[in-house]
Amino acid sequence: MGFGLQFKSDGTNKKEVNLRETLLKIIEEEPLIRNGFKNIRFLYEVRGFGLPMFDGKRQVSAERVLLVDDAASLIDPF
């Protein structure tokens, strides 16, 4: 399970967000999610990774070339 937030690449986000704490809070407090995870037991520490998200500026295709998935920054953080 995971989720993400889009951050500006220049680092000028207005508010710092701890994604790990936010994810754990959502699992504990959101009724629709809490019920599905009521017997959850983490096997590993919750970890996070920065993933590039497509912004429309990056070229993802050329003659005989097509970038897909992570290579094209076409990720789905959910």
N, C-alpha and C. Protein backbone atom coordinates (compact mmCIF):
# COMPACT_ATOMS: atom_id res chain seq x y z
N MET A 1 0.85 -1.17 0.00
CA MET A 1 0.00 0.00 0.00
C MET A 1 0.89 1.23 0.00
N GLY A 2 0.43 2.26 -0.60
CA GLY A 2 1.19 3.49 -0.59
C GLY A 2 0.36 4.65 -1.08
N PHE A 3 0.91 5.81 -0.97
CA PHE A 3 0.29 7.01 -1.48
C PHE A 3 1.37 8.05 -1.65
N GLY A 4 1.02 9.13 -2.30
CA GLY A 4 2.03 10.16 -2.50
C GLY A 4 1.44 11.53 -2.66
N LEU A 5 2.30 12.49 -2.63
CA LEU A 5 1.95 13.89 -2.86
C LEU A 5 2.90 14.43 -3.91
N GLN A 6 2.41 15.33 -4.70
CA GLN A 6 3.27 15.92 -5.72
C GLN A 6 4.02 17.09 -5.10
N PHE A 7 5.33 17.04 -5.24
CA PHE A 7 6.19 18.11 -4.76
C PHE A 7 6.80 18.83 -5.93
N LYS A 8 7.00 20.12 -5.78
CA LYS A 8 7.64 20.89 -6.84
C LYS A 8 9.11 20.49 -6.94
N SER A 9 9.60 20.36 -8.15
CA SER A 9 10.98 19.92 -8.35
C SER A 9 12.00 20.95 -7.88
N ASP A 10 11.57 22.21 -7.75
CA ASP A 10 12.53 23.23 -7.31
C ASP A 10 12.61 23.34 -5.79
N GLY A 11 11.83 22.49 -5.07
CA GLY A 11 11.90 22.48 -3.62
C GLY A 11 11.18 23.63 -2.94
N THR A 12 10.28 24.32 -3.63
CA THR A 12 9.60 25.48 -3.05
C THR A 12 8.22 25.13 -2.51
N ASN A 13 8.06 23.94 -1.95
CA ASN A 13 6.78 23.57 -1.36
C ASN A 13 6.54 24.43 -0.13
N LYS A 14 5.28 24.81 0.06
CA LYS A 14 4.96 25.71 1.16
C LYS A 14 4.92 25.01 2.50
N LYS A 15 4.62 23.70 2.53
CA LYS A 15 4.46 23.02 3.80
C LYS A 15 5.18 21.68 3.77
N GLU A 16 5.92 21.40 4.83
CA GLU A 16 6.58 20.11 4.96
C GLU A 16 5.54 19.09 5.40
N VAL A 17 5.54 17.92 4.78
CA VAL A 17 4.61 16.86 5.11
C VAL A 17 5.41 15.59 5.35
N ASN A 18 5.16 14.94 6.48
CA ASN A 18 5.79 13.66 6.77
C ASN A 18 4.87 12.58 6.22
N LEU A 19 5.21 12.03 5.06
CA LEU A 19 4.34 11.07 4.40
C LEU A 19 4.18 9.79 5.21
N ARG A 20 5.21 9.35 5.89
CA ARG A 20 5.14 8.14 6.70
C ARG A 20 4.11 8.31 7.82
N GLU A 21 4.19 9.42 8.55
CA GLU A 21 3.24 9.69 9.63
C GLU A 21 1.83 9.86 9.08
N THR A 22 1.71 10.52 7.95
CA THR A 22 0.40 10.74 7.34
C THR A 22 -0.24 9.42 6.93
N LEU A 23 0.54 8.52 6.32
CA LEU A 23 0.02 7.21 5.93
C LEU A 23 -0.47 6.43 7.15
N LEU A 24 0.31 6.39 8.20
CA LEU A 24 -0.09 5.67 9.41
C LEU A 24 -1.34 6.28 10.03
N LYS A 25 -1.44 7.59 10.01
CA LYS A 25 -2.61 8.27 10.55
C LYS A 25 -3.86 7.92 9.72
N ILE A 26 -3.73 7.89 8.41
CA ILE A 26 -4.86 7.54 7.54
C ILE A 26 -5.32 6.11 7.84
N ILE A 27 -4.38 5.17 7.98
CA ILE A 27 -4.73 3.78 8.28
C ILE A 27 -5.46 3.68 9.61
N GLU A 28 -5.06 4.48 10.57
CA GLU A 28 -5.68 4.43 11.90
C GLU A 28 -7.01 5.16 11.99
N GLU A 29 -7.19 6.25 11.23
CA GLU A 29 -8.32 7.14 11.47
C GLU A 29 -9.38 7.18 10.38
N GLU A 30 -9.04 6.90 9.12
CA GLU A 30 -10.03 6.99 8.04
C GLU A 30 -10.94 5.77 8.07
N PRO A 31 -12.25 5.96 8.28
CA PRO A 31 -13.17 4.83 8.43
C PRO A 31 -13.13 3.84 7.27
N LEU A 32 -13.11 4.31 6.04
CA LEU A 32 -13.13 3.40 4.90
C LEU A 32 -11.86 2.56 4.80
N ILE A 33 -10.77 3.13 5.24
CA ILE A 33 -9.49 2.41 5.17
C ILE A 33 -9.26 1.62 6.46
N ARG A 34 -9.57 2.21 7.59
CA ARG A 34 -9.35 1.57 8.89
C ARG A 34 -10.01 0.20 8.96
N ASN A 35 -11.23 0.09 8.46
CA ASN A 35 -11.94 -1.19 8.52
C ASN A 35 -11.24 -2.27 7.70
N GLY A 36 -10.64 -1.89 6.60
CA GLY A 36 -9.92 -2.86 5.78
C GLY A 36 -8.58 -3.27 6.35
N PHE A 37 -8.07 -2.50 7.30
CA PHE A 37 -6.76 -2.76 7.87
C PHE A 37 -6.82 -2.99 9.38
N LYS A 38 -7.98 -3.40 9.89
CA LYS A 38 -8.11 -3.52 11.35
C LYS A 38 -7.21 -4.58 11.96
N ASN A 39 -6.83 -5.58 11.19
CA ASN A 39 -5.93 -6.63 11.69
C ASN A 39 -4.54 -6.53 11.07
N ILE A 40 -4.15 -5.34 10.69
CA ILE A 40 -2.87 -5.15 10.00
C ILE A 40 -1.70 -5.44 10.94
N ARG A 41 -0.67 -6.04 10.35
CA ARG A 41 0.58 -6.27 11.07
C ARG A 41 1.70 -5.99 10.07
N PHE A 42 2.48 -4.98 10.32
CA PHE A 42 3.56 -4.61 9.42
C PHE A 42 4.68 -5.63 9.52
N LEU A 43 5.13 -6.12 8.39
CA LEU A 43 6.26 -7.04 8.36
C LEU A 43 7.58 -6.29 8.31
N TYR A 44 7.53 -5.06 7.79
CA TYR A 44 8.72 -4.23 7.64
C TYR A 44 8.38 -2.81 8.05
N GLU A 45 9.41 -2.04 8.30
CA GLU A 45 9.26 -0.62 8.59
C GLU A 45 8.66 0.08 7.36
N VAL A 46 7.78 1.03 7.59
CA VAL A 46 7.21 1.81 6.49
C VAL A 46 8.32 2.67 5.90
N ARG A 47 8.51 2.55 4.58
CA ARG A 47 9.57 3.30 3.91
C ARG A 47 8.98 4.09 2.75
N GLY A 48 9.70 5.07 2.30
CA GLY A 48 9.24 5.87 1.18
C GLY A 48 10.36 6.18 0.20
N PHE A 49 9.96 6.43 -1.02
CA PHE A 49 10.90 6.73 -2.08
C PHE A 49 10.33 7.84 -2.94
N GLY A 50 11.18 8.72 -3.40
CA GLY A 50 10.74 9.76 -4.33
C GLY A 50 10.61 9.18 -5.73
N LEU A 51 9.49 9.41 -6.36
CA LEU A 51 9.27 8.92 -7.72
C LEU A 51 8.93 10.11 -8.62
N PRO A 52 9.50 10.15 -9.81
CA PRO A 52 9.21 11.27 -10.71
C PRO A 52 7.79 11.15 -11.28
N MET A 53 7.08 12.26 -11.31
CA MET A 53 5.73 12.27 -11.87
C MET A 53 5.74 13.09 -13.16
N PHE A 54 5.01 12.62 -14.14
CA PHE A 54 4.98 13.26 -15.45
C PHE A 54 4.40 14.66 -15.33
N ASP A 55 5.09 15.62 -15.90
CA ASP A 55 4.63 17.01 -15.85
C ASP A 55 4.24 17.55 -17.22
N GLY A 56 4.30 16.72 -18.24
CA GLY A 56 3.94 17.16 -19.58
C GLY A 56 5.09 17.78 -20.35
N LYS A 57 6.19 18.05 -19.70
CA LYS A 57 7.32 18.70 -20.34
C LYS A 57 8.33 17.70 -20.92
N ARG A 58 8.40 16.55 -20.32
CA ARG A 58 9.39 15.56 -20.75
C ARG A 58 8.93 14.83 -22.01
N GLN A 59 9.83 14.69 -22.95
CA GLN A 59 9.52 13.95 -24.17
C GLN A 59 9.58 12.46 -23.85
N VAL A 60 8.50 11.75 -24.14
CA VAL A 60 8.46 10.32 -23.82
C VAL A 60 8.44 9.44 -25.07
N SER A 61 8.48 10.07 -26.24
CA SER A 61 8.53 9.27 -27.46
C SER A 61 9.38 9.97 -28.52
N ALA A 62 9.91 9.16 -29.41
CA ALA A 62 10.70 9.62 -30.56
C ALA A 62 10.60 8.51 -31.60
N GLU A 63 11.26 8.69 -32.72
CA GLU A 63 11.19 7.68 -33.76
C GLU A 63 11.69 6.33 -33.21
N ARG A 64 10.82 5.34 -33.21
CA ARG A 64 11.10 3.98 -32.76
C ARG A 64 11.41 3.86 -31.27
N VAL A 65 11.02 4.85 -30.48
CA VAL A 65 11.25 4.83 -29.04
C VAL A 65 10.00 5.29 -28.32
N LEU A 66 9.62 4.56 -27.28
CA LEU A 66 8.50 4.96 -26.43
C LEU A 66 8.85 4.61 -24.99
N LEU A 67 8.92 5.63 -24.14
CA LEU A 67 9.15 5.39 -22.72
C LEU A 67 7.81 5.11 -22.06
N VAL A 68 7.78 4.15 -21.16
CA VAL A 68 6.55 3.81 -20.44
C VAL A 68 6.84 3.67 -18.96
N ASP A 69 5.77 3.64 -18.17
CA ASP A 69 5.86 3.38 -16.74
C ASP A 69 6.83 4.34 -16.06
N ASP A 70 7.70 3.83 -15.20
CA ASP A 70 8.63 4.69 -14.46
C ASP A 70 9.58 5.44 -15.37
N ALA A 71 9.99 4.83 -16.47
CA ALA A 71 10.94 5.47 -17.39
C ALA A 71 10.36 6.75 -17.97
N ALA A 72 9.04 6.82 -18.10
CA ALA A 72 8.37 8.01 -18.62
C ALA A 72 7.79 8.87 -17.50
N SER A 73 8.08 8.52 -16.27
CA SER A 73 7.53 9.20 -15.10
C SER A 73 6.01 9.06 -15.03
N LEU A 74 5.49 7.97 -15.55
CA LEU A 74 4.05 7.71 -15.53
C LEU A 74 3.74 6.74 -14.40
N ILE A 75 3.90 7.21 -13.20
CA ILE A 75 3.68 6.36 -12.04
C ILE A 75 2.32 6.66 -11.43
N ASP A 76 1.78 5.71 -10.72
CA ASP A 76 0.53 5.87 -10.01
C ASP A 76 0.84 5.65 -8.53
N PRO A 77 0.96 6.74 -7.74
CA PRO A 77 1.38 6.57 -6.35
C PRO A 77 0.36 5.85 -5.48
N PHE A 78 -0.84 5.62 -5.98
CA PHE A 78 -1.83 4.91 -5.19
C PHE A 78 -1.85 3.46 -5.57
